[in-house]
Amino acid sequence: MFSSLIDIIFALPTLGFGLLFLFIAGTIGAWGFQLIFGGNFWVWFAVMVIIGLFYKPPALRKGREEEGRG
Protein backbone atom coordinates (compact mmCIF):
# COMPACT_ATOMS: atom_id res chain seq x y z
CA MET A 1 0.00 0.00 0.00
CA PHE A 2 2.61 2.52 1.11
CA SER A 3 5.12 1.66 -1.60
CA SER A 4 2.56 2.30 -4.33
CA LEU A 5 1.61 5.60 -2.67
CA ILE A 6 5.27 6.62 -2.55
CA ASP A 7 5.66 5.64 -6.23
CA ILE A 8 2.70 7.85 -7.12
CA ILE A 9 4.11 10.79 -5.14
CA PHE A 10 7.50 10.49 -6.86
CA ALA A 11 5.83 10.07 -10.27
CA LEU A 12 3.84 13.32 -10.01
CA PRO A 13 6.74 15.69 -10.88
CA THR A 14 7.64 13.46 -13.83
CA LEU A 15 4.04 13.51 -15.00
CA GLY A 16 3.95 17.29 -14.58
CA PHE A 17 7.11 17.79 -16.64
CA GLY A 18 5.75 15.42 -19.27
CA LEU A 19 2.48 17.33 -19.53
CA LEU A 20 4.36 20.64 -19.65
CA PHE A 21 6.57 19.34 -22.46
CA LEU A 22 3.48 18.02 -24.28
CA PHE A 23 1.83 21.44 -23.97
CA ILE A 24 4.91 23.30 -25.24
CA ALA A 25 5.53 20.86 -28.10
CA GLY A 26 1.83 20.88 -29.00
CA THR A 27 1.80 24.67 -29.08
CA ILE A 28 4.89 24.89 -31.31
CA GLY A 29 3.59 22.13 -33.60
CA ALA A 30 0.16 23.72 -33.82
CA TRP A 31 1.64 27.11 -34.73
CA GLY A 32 3.76 25.49 -37.43
CA PHE A 33 0.94 23.50 -38.96
CA GLN A 34 -1.40 26.47 -38.82
CA LEU A 35 1.23 28.59 -40.57
CA ILE A 36 1.77 25.99 -43.29
CA PHE A 37 -1.72 24.56 -43.79
CA GLY A 38 -3.98 27.21 -42.28
CA GLY A 39 -7.01 26.37 -40.19
CA ASN A 40 -7.83 26.74 -36.53
CA PHE A 41 -5.01 26.77 -33.95
CA TRP A 42 -6.99 24.79 -31.37
CA VAL A 43 -7.77 22.02 -33.85
CA TRP A 44 -4.06 21.63 -34.67
CA PHE A 45 -3.22 21.82 -30.96
CA ALA A 46 -5.66 18.99 -30.21
CA VAL A 47 -4.15 16.92 -33.04
CA MET A 48 -0.62 17.48 -31.70
CA VAL A 49 -1.61 16.58 -28.13
CA ILE A 50 -3.41 13.41 -29.24
CA ILE A 51 -0.39 12.36 -31.31
CA GLY A 52 1.89 13.14 -28.36
CA LEU A 53 -0.20 11.06 -25.98
CA PHE A 54 -0.63 7.97 -28.15
CA TYR A 55 2.29 7.76 -30.58
CA LYS A 56 5.16 5.55 -29.50
CA PRO A 57 8.35 5.53 -31.59
CA PRO A 58 9.34 2.12 -33.03
CA ALA A 59 12.37 1.91 -30.71
CA LEU A 60 10.14 2.14 -27.64
CA ARG A 61 7.67 -0.40 -29.03
CA LYS A 62 10.51 -2.79 -29.81
CA GLY A 63 11.94 -2.44 -26.31
CA ARG A 64 8.62 -3.22 -24.70
CA GLU A 65 8.13 -6.30 -26.86
CA GLU A 66 11.53 -7.65 -25.84
CA GLU A 67 10.75 -7.13 -22.16
CA GLY A 68 7.56 -9.14 -22.54
CA ARG A 69 9.33 -12.11 -24.13
CA GLY A 70 11.74 -12.71 -21.24
PDB file of N, CA and C in Angstrom:
ATOM      1  N   MET A   1       0.833  -1.201   0.000  1.00  0.00           N
ATOM      2  CA  MET A   1       0.000   0.000   0.000  1.00  0.00           C
ATOM      3  C   MET A   1       0.873   1.258   0.000  1.00  0.00           C
ATOM      4  N   PHE A   2       1.808   1.315   0.985  1.00  0.00           N
ATOM      5  CA  PHE A   2       2.613   2.522   1.108  1.00  0.00           C
ATOM      6  C   PHE A   2       3.613   2.668  -0.028  1.00  0.00           C
ATOM      7  N   SER A   3       4.147   1.540  -0.518  1.00  0.00           N
ATOM      8  CA  SER A   3       5.122   1.657  -1.602  1.00  0.00           C
ATOM      9  C   SER A   3       4.459   2.191  -2.868  1.00  0.00           C
ATOM     10  N   SER A   4       3.234   1.781  -3.142  1.00  0.00           N
ATOM     11  CA  SER A   4       2.562   2.300  -4.332  1.00  0.00           C
ATOM     12  C   SER A   4       2.227   3.782  -4.156  1.00  0.00           C
ATOM     13  N   LEU A   5       1.882   4.189  -2.944  1.00  0.00           N
ATOM     14  CA  LEU A   5       1.609   5.597  -2.668  1.00  0.00           C
ATOM     15  C   LEU A   5       2.871   6.439  -2.856  1.00  0.00           C
ATOM     16  N   ILE A   6       3.998   5.929  -2.380  1.00  0.00           N
ATOM     17  CA  ILE A   6       5.273   6.622  -2.553  1.00  0.00           C
ATOM     18  C   ILE A   6       5.639   6.704  -4.035  1.00  0.00           C
ATOM     19  N   ASP A   7       5.399   5.621  -4.784  1.00  0.00           N
ATOM     20  CA  ASP A   7       5.664   5.643  -6.226  1.00  0.00           C
ATOM     21  C   ASP A   7       4.829   6.710  -6.921  1.00  0.00           C
ATOM     22  N   ILE A   8       3.582   6.833  -6.521  1.00  0.00           N
ATOM     23  CA  ILE A   8       2.697   7.847  -7.119  1.00  0.00           C
ATOM     24  C   ILE A   8       3.205   9.243  -6.789  1.00  0.00           C
ATOM     25  N   ILE A   9       3.612   9.469  -5.545  1.00  0.00           N
ATOM     26  CA  ILE A   9       4.107  10.794  -5.140  1.00  0.00           C
ATOM     27  C   ILE A   9       5.361  11.160  -5.930  1.00  0.00           C
ATOM     28  N   PHE A  10       6.275  10.196  -6.108  1.00  0.00           N
ATOM     29  CA  PHE A  10       7.497  10.488  -6.863  1.00  0.00           C
ATOM     30  C   PHE A  10       7.228  10.611  -8.358  1.00  0.00           C
ATOM     31  N   ALA A  11       6.143  10.006  -8.849  1.00  0.00           N
ATOM     32  CA  ALA A  11       5.831  10.072 -10.273  1.00  0.00           C
ATOM     33  C   ALA A  11       5.161  11.390 -10.645  1.00  0.00           C
ATOM     34  N   LEU A  12       4.576  12.091  -9.691  1.00  0.00           N
ATOM     35  CA  LEU A  12       3.840  13.317 -10.010  1.00  0.00           C
ATOM     36  C   LEU A  12       4.709  14.391 -10.670  1.00  0.00           C
ATOM     37  N   PRO A  13       5.926  14.699 -10.167  1.00  0.00           N
ATOM     38  CA  PRO A  13       6.738  15.691 -10.883  1.00  0.00           C
ATOM     39  C   PRO A  13       7.078  15.253 -12.306  1.00  0.00           C
ATOM     40  N   THR A  14       7.343  13.966 -12.487  1.00  0.00           N
ATOM     41  CA  THR A  14       7.642  13.460 -13.827  1.00  0.00           C
ATOM     42  C   THR A  14       6.438  13.637 -14.744  1.00  0.00           C
ATOM     43  N   LEU A  15       5.269  13.325 -14.218  1.00  0.00           N
ATOM     44  CA  LEU A  15       4.038  13.508 -14.998  1.00  0.00           C
ATOM     45  C   LEU A  15       3.829  14.981 -15.326  1.00  0.00           C
ATOM     46  N   GLY A  16       4.099  15.847 -14.351  1.00  0.00           N
ATOM     47  CA  GLY A  16       3.947  17.285 -14.575  1.00  0.00           C
ATOM     48  C   GLY A  16       4.885  17.804 -15.656  1.00  0.00           C
ATOM     49  N   PHE A  17       6.159  17.374 -15.608  1.00  0.00           N
ATOM     50  CA  PHE A  17       7.108  17.791 -16.640  1.00  0.00           C
ATOM     51  C   PHE A  17       6.707  17.227 -17.998  1.00  0.00           C
ATOM     52  N   GLY A  18       6.200  16.012 -18.009  1.00  0.00           N
ATOM     53  CA  GLY A  18       5.751  15.415 -19.267  1.00  0.00           C
ATOM     54  C   GLY A  18       4.591  16.177 -19.868  1.00  0.00           C
ATOM     55  N   LEU A  19       3.630  16.564 -19.041  1.00  0.00           N
ATOM     56  CA  LEU A  19       2.485  17.327 -19.532  1.00  0.00           C
ATOM     57  C   LEU A  19       2.906  18.721 -19.980  1.00  0.00           C
ATOM     58  N   LEU A  20       3.853  19.328 -19.248  1.00  0.00           N
ATOM     59  CA  LEU A  20       4.360  20.640 -19.646  1.00  0.00           C
ATOM     60  C   LEU A  20       5.056  20.552 -21.003  1.00  0.00           C
ATOM     61  N   PHE A  21       5.891  19.524 -21.175  1.00  0.00           N
ATOM     62  CA  PHE A  21       6.571  19.342 -22.456  1.00  0.00           C
ATOM     63  C   PHE A  21       5.553  19.100 -23.571  1.00  0.00           C
ATOM     64  N   LEU A  22       4.522  18.295 -23.291  1.00  0.00           N
ATOM     65  CA  LEU A  22       3.484  18.024 -24.283  1.00  0.00           C
ATOM     66  C   LEU A  22       2.768  19.303 -24.669  1.00  0.00           C
ATOM     67  N   PHE A  23       2.492  20.168 -23.693  1.00  0.00           N
ATOM     68  CA  PHE A  23       1.830  21.436 -23.967  1.00  0.00           C
ATOM     69  C   PHE A  23       2.713  22.337 -24.829  1.00  0.00           C
ATOM     70  N   ILE A  24       3.998  22.439 -24.482  1.00  0.00           N
ATOM     71  CA  ILE A  24       4.909  23.298 -25.245  1.00  0.00           C
ATOM     72  C   ILE A  24       5.095  22.762 -26.662  1.00  0.00           C
ATOM     73  N   ALA A  25       5.337  21.446 -26.773  1.00  0.00           N
ATOM     74  CA  ALA A  25       5.529  20.856 -28.103  1.00  0.00           C
ATOM     75  C   ALA A  25       4.252  20.958 -28.923  1.00  0.00           C
ATOM     76  N   GLY A  26       3.108  20.766 -28.294  1.00  0.00           N
ATOM     77  CA  GLY A  26       1.832  20.881 -28.998  1.00  0.00           C
ATOM     78  C   GLY A  26       1.593  22.291 -29.496  1.00  0.00           C
ATOM     79  N   THR A  27       1.979  23.271 -28.681  1.00  0.00           N
ATOM     80  CA  THR A  27       1.805  24.668 -29.082  1.00  0.00           C
ATOM     81  C   THR A  27       2.696  25.004 -30.281  1.00  0.00           C
ATOM     82  N   ILE A  28       3.952  24.612 -30.213  1.00  0.00           N
ATOM     83  CA  ILE A  28       4.886  24.890 -31.313  1.00  0.00           C
ATOM     84  C   ILE A  28       4.432  24.157 -32.581  1.00  0.00           C
ATOM     85  N   GLY A  29       4.061  22.891 -32.434  1.00  0.00           N
ATOM     86  CA  GLY A  29       3.591  22.130 -33.595  1.00  0.00           C
ATOM     87  C   GLY A  29       2.329  22.714 -34.195  1.00  0.00           C
ATOM     88  N   ALA A  30       1.413  23.139 -33.331  1.00  0.00           N
ATOM     89  CA  ALA A  30       0.162  23.719 -33.823  1.00  0.00           C
ATOM     90  C   ALA A  30       0.411  25.025 -34.567  1.00  0.00           C
ATOM     91  N   TRP A  31       1.302  25.861 -34.035  1.00  0.00           N
ATOM     92  CA  TRP A  31       1.642  27.106 -34.734  1.00  0.00           C
ATOM     93  C   TRP A  31       2.234  26.800 -36.109  1.00  0.00           C
ATOM     94  N   GLY A  32       3.138  25.836 -36.156  1.00  0.00           N
ATOM     95  CA  GLY A  32       3.765  25.494 -37.428  1.00  0.00           C
ATOM     96  C   GLY A  32       2.767  24.971 -38.451  1.00  0.00           C
ATOM     97  N   PHE A  33       1.918  24.063 -38.029  1.00  0.00           N
ATOM     98  CA  PHE A  33       0.938  23.502 -38.962  1.00  0.00           C
ATOM     99  C   PHE A  33      -0.097  24.534 -39.374  1.00  0.00           C
ATOM    100  N   GLN A  34      -0.465  25.417 -38.457  1.00  0.00           N
ATOM    101  CA  GLN A  34      -1.403  26.472 -38.820  1.00  0.00           C
ATOM    102  C   GLN A  34      -0.765  27.421 -39.829  1.00  0.00           C
ATOM    103  N   LEU A  35       0.519  27.706 -39.648  1.00  0.00           N
ATOM    104  CA  LEU A  35       1.231  28.591 -40.567  1.00  0.00           C
ATOM    105  C   LEU A  35       1.324  27.960 -41.953  1.00  0.00           C
ATOM    106  N   ILE A  36       1.588  26.664 -42.008  1.00  0.00           N
ATOM    107  CA  ILE A  36       1.774  25.991 -43.289  1.00  0.00           C
ATOM    108  C   ILE A  36       0.437  25.669 -43.962  1.00  0.00           C
ATOM    109  N   PHE A  37      -0.482  25.074 -43.198  1.00  0.00           N
ATOM    110  CA  PHE A  37      -1.718  24.556 -43.791  1.00  0.00           C
ATOM    111  C   PHE A  37      -2.940  25.430 -43.528  1.00  0.00           C
ATOM    112  N   GLY A  38      -2.826  26.389 -42.630  1.00  0.00           N
ATOM    113  CA  GLY A  38      -3.980  27.210 -42.284  1.00  0.00           C
ATOM    114  C   GLY A  38      -4.897  26.462 -41.318  1.00  0.00           C
ATOM    115  N   GLY A  39      -6.058  27.026 -41.068  1.00  0.00           N
ATOM    116  CA  GLY A  39      -7.013  26.373 -40.191  1.00  0.00           C
ATOM    117  C   GLY A  39      -6.988  26.957 -38.787  1.00  0.00           C
ATOM    118  N   ASN A  40      -7.657  26.272 -37.889  1.00  0.00           N
ATOM    119  CA  ASN A  40      -7.827  26.738 -36.525  1.00  0.00           C
ATOM    120  C   ASN A  40      -6.679  26.246 -35.644  1.00  0.00           C
ATOM    121  N   PHE A  41      -6.118  27.137 -34.834  1.00  0.00           N
ATOM    122  CA  PHE A  41      -5.008  26.774 -33.946  1.00  0.00           C
ATOM    123  C   PHE A  41      -5.406  25.671 -32.989  1.00  0.00           C
ATOM    124  N   TRP A  42      -6.592  25.754 -32.398  1.00  0.00           N
ATOM    125  CA  TRP A  42      -6.992  24.787 -31.374  1.00  0.00           C
ATOM    126  C   TRP A  42      -7.216  23.402 -31.950  1.00  0.00           C
ATOM    127  N   VAL A  43      -7.622  23.330 -33.207  1.00  0.00           N
ATOM    128  CA  VAL A  43      -7.765  22.020 -33.853  1.00  0.00           C
ATOM    129  C   VAL A  43      -6.391  21.387 -34.025  1.00  0.00           C
ATOM    130  N   TRP A  44      -5.423  22.158 -34.514  1.00  0.00           N
ATOM    131  CA  TRP A  44      -4.065  21.632 -34.674  1.00  0.00           C
ATOM    132  C   TRP A  44      -3.456  21.280 -33.317  1.00  0.00           C
ATOM    133  N   PHE A  45      -3.742  22.101 -32.298  1.00  0.00           N
ATOM    134  CA  PHE A  45      -3.219  21.816 -30.960  1.00  0.00           C
ATOM    135  C   PHE A  45      -3.769  20.485 -30.456  1.00  0.00           C
ATOM    136  N   ALA A  46      -5.061  20.258 -30.642  1.00  0.00           N
ATOM    137  CA  ALA A  46      -5.663  18.993 -30.215  1.00  0.00           C
ATOM    138  C   ALA A  46      -5.034  17.816 -30.952  1.00  0.00           C
ATOM    139  N   VAL A  47      -4.792  17.981 -32.250  1.00  0.00           N
ATOM    140  CA  VAL A  47      -4.155  16.915 -33.035  1.00  0.00           C
ATOM    141  C   VAL A  47      -2.760  16.623 -32.490  1.00  0.00           C
ATOM    142  N   MET A  48      -1.988  17.674 -32.215  1.00  0.00           N
ATOM    143  CA  MET A  48      -0.623  17.480 -31.698  1.00  0.00           C
ATOM    144  C   MET A  48      -0.629  16.792 -30.337  1.00  0.00           C
ATOM    145  N   VAL A  49      -1.550  17.183 -29.464  1.00  0.00           N
ATOM    146  CA  VAL A  49      -1.609  16.581 -28.126  1.00  0.00           C
ATOM    147  C   VAL A  49      -2.023  15.113 -28.222  1.00  0.00           C
ATOM    148  N   ILE A  50      -2.979  14.800 -29.078  1.00  0.00           N
ATOM    149  CA  ILE A  50      -3.408  13.407 -29.243  1.00  0.00           C
ATOM    150  C   ILE A  50      -2.260  12.563 -29.792  1.00  0.00           C
ATOM    151  N   ILE A  51      -1.550  13.085 -30.773  1.00  0.00           N
ATOM    152  CA  ILE A  51      -0.386  12.355 -31.311  1.00  0.00           C
ATOM    153  C   ILE A  51       0.660  12.173 -30.207  1.00  0.00           C
ATOM    154  N   GLY A  52       0.908  13.224 -29.436  1.00  0.00           N
ATOM    155  CA  GLY A  52       1.892  13.142 -28.364  1.00  0.00           C
ATOM    156  C   GLY A  52       1.523  12.135 -27.287  1.00  0.00           C
ATOM    157  N   LEU A  53       0.235  11.990 -27.017  1.00  0.00           N
ATOM    158  CA  LEU A  53      -0.196  11.059 -25.984  1.00  0.00           C
ATOM    159  C   LEU A  53      -0.138   9.605 -26.441  1.00  0.00           C
ATOM    160  N   PHE A  54      -0.452   9.352 -27.708  1.00  0.00           N
ATOM    161  CA  PHE A  54      -0.633   7.975 -28.145  1.00  0.00           C
ATOM    162  C   PHE A  54       0.465   7.414 -29.040  1.00  0.00           C
ATOM    163  N   TYR A  55       1.266   8.269 -29.680  1.00  0.00           N
ATOM    164  CA  TYR A  55       2.294   7.763 -30.583  1.00  0.00           C
ATOM    165  C   TYR A  55       3.493   7.272 -29.795  1.00  0.00           C
ATOM    166  N   LYS A  56       3.931   6.072 -30.095  1.00  0.00           N
ATOM    167  CA  LYS A  56       5.156   5.546 -29.498  1.00  0.00           C
ATOM    168  C   LYS A  56       6.144   5.247 -30.627  1.00  0.00           C
ATOM    169  N   PRO A  57       7.355   5.790 -30.548  1.00  0.00           N
ATOM    170  CA  PRO A  57       8.345   5.525 -31.586  1.00  0.00           C
ATOM    171  C   PRO A  57       8.648   4.027 -31.687  1.00  0.00           C
ATOM    172  N   PRO A  58       9.054   3.552 -32.859  1.00  0.00           N
ATOM    173  CA  PRO A  58       9.340   2.119 -33.033  1.00  0.00           C
ATOM    174  C   PRO A  58      10.362   1.584 -32.036  1.00  0.00           C
ATOM    175  N   ALA A  59      11.351   2.388 -31.654  1.00  0.00           N
ATOM    176  CA  ALA A  59      12.369   1.914 -30.709  1.00  0.00           C
ATOM    177  C   ALA A  59      11.741   1.591 -29.353  1.00  0.00           C
ATOM    178  N   LEU A  60      10.803   2.404 -28.920  1.00  0.00           N
ATOM    179  CA  LEU A  60      10.144   2.136 -27.637  1.00  0.00           C
ATOM    180  C   LEU A  60       9.244   0.908 -27.736  1.00  0.00           C
ATOM    181  N   ARG A  61       8.536   0.771 -28.860  1.00  0.00           N
ATOM    182  CA  ARG A  61       7.666  -0.395 -29.027  1.00  0.00           C
ATOM    183  C   ARG A  61       8.496  -1.671 -29.044  1.00  0.00           C
ATOM    184  N   LYS A  62       9.644  -1.620 -29.717  1.00  0.00           N
ATOM    185  CA  LYS A  62      10.509  -2.787 -29.808  1.00  0.00           C
ATOM    186  C   LYS A  62      11.037  -3.169 -28.430  1.00  0.00           C
ATOM    187  N   GLY A  63      11.438  -2.176 -27.650  1.00  0.00           N
ATOM    188  CA  GLY A  63      11.943  -2.438 -26.311  1.00  0.00           C
ATOM    189  C   GLY A  63      10.909  -3.079 -25.412  1.00  0.00           C
ATOM    190  N   ARG A  64       9.669  -2.655 -25.531  1.00  0.00           N
ATOM    191  CA  ARG A  64       8.618  -3.218 -24.702  1.00  0.00           C
ATOM    192  C   ARG A  64       8.301  -4.648 -25.117  1.00  0.00           C
ATOM    193  N   GLU A  65       8.381  -4.932 -26.404  1.00  0.00           N
ATOM    194  CA  GLU A  65       8.126  -6.300 -26.859  1.00  0.00           C
ATOM    195  C   GLU A  65       9.194  -7.243 -26.324  1.00  0.00           C
ATOM    196  N   GLU A  66      10.449  -6.791 -26.333  1.00  0.00           N
ATOM    197  CA  GLU A  66      11.532  -7.648 -25.844  1.00  0.00           C
ATOM    198  C   GLU A  66      11.400  -7.910 -24.350  1.00  0.00           C
ATOM    199  N   GLU A  67      10.935  -6.925 -23.597  1.00  0.00           N
ATOM    200  CA  GLU A  67      10.748  -7.126 -22.164  1.00  0.00           C
ATOM    201  C   GLU A  67       9.676  -8.184 -21.906  1.00  0.00           C
ATOM    202  N   GLY A  68       8.643  -8.194 -22.728  1.00  0.00           N
ATOM    203  CA  GLY A  68       7.556  -9.143 -22.536  1.00  0.00           C
ATOM    204  C   GLY A  68       7.949 -10.576 -22.858  1.00  0.00           C
ATOM    205  N   ARG A  69       8.932 -10.751 -23.729  1.00  0.00           N
ATOM    206  CA  ARG A  69       9.331 -12.108 -24.130  1.00  0.00           C
ATOM    207  C   ARG A  69      10.085 -12.841 -23.033  1.00  0.00           C
ATOM    208  N   GLY A  70      10.878 -12.100 -22.243  1.00  0.00           N
ATOM    209  CA  GLY A  70      11.744 -12.710 -21.243  1.00  0.00           C
ATOM    210  C   GLY A  70      10.973 -13.398 -20.178  1.00  0.00           C
TER     211      GLY A  70
END
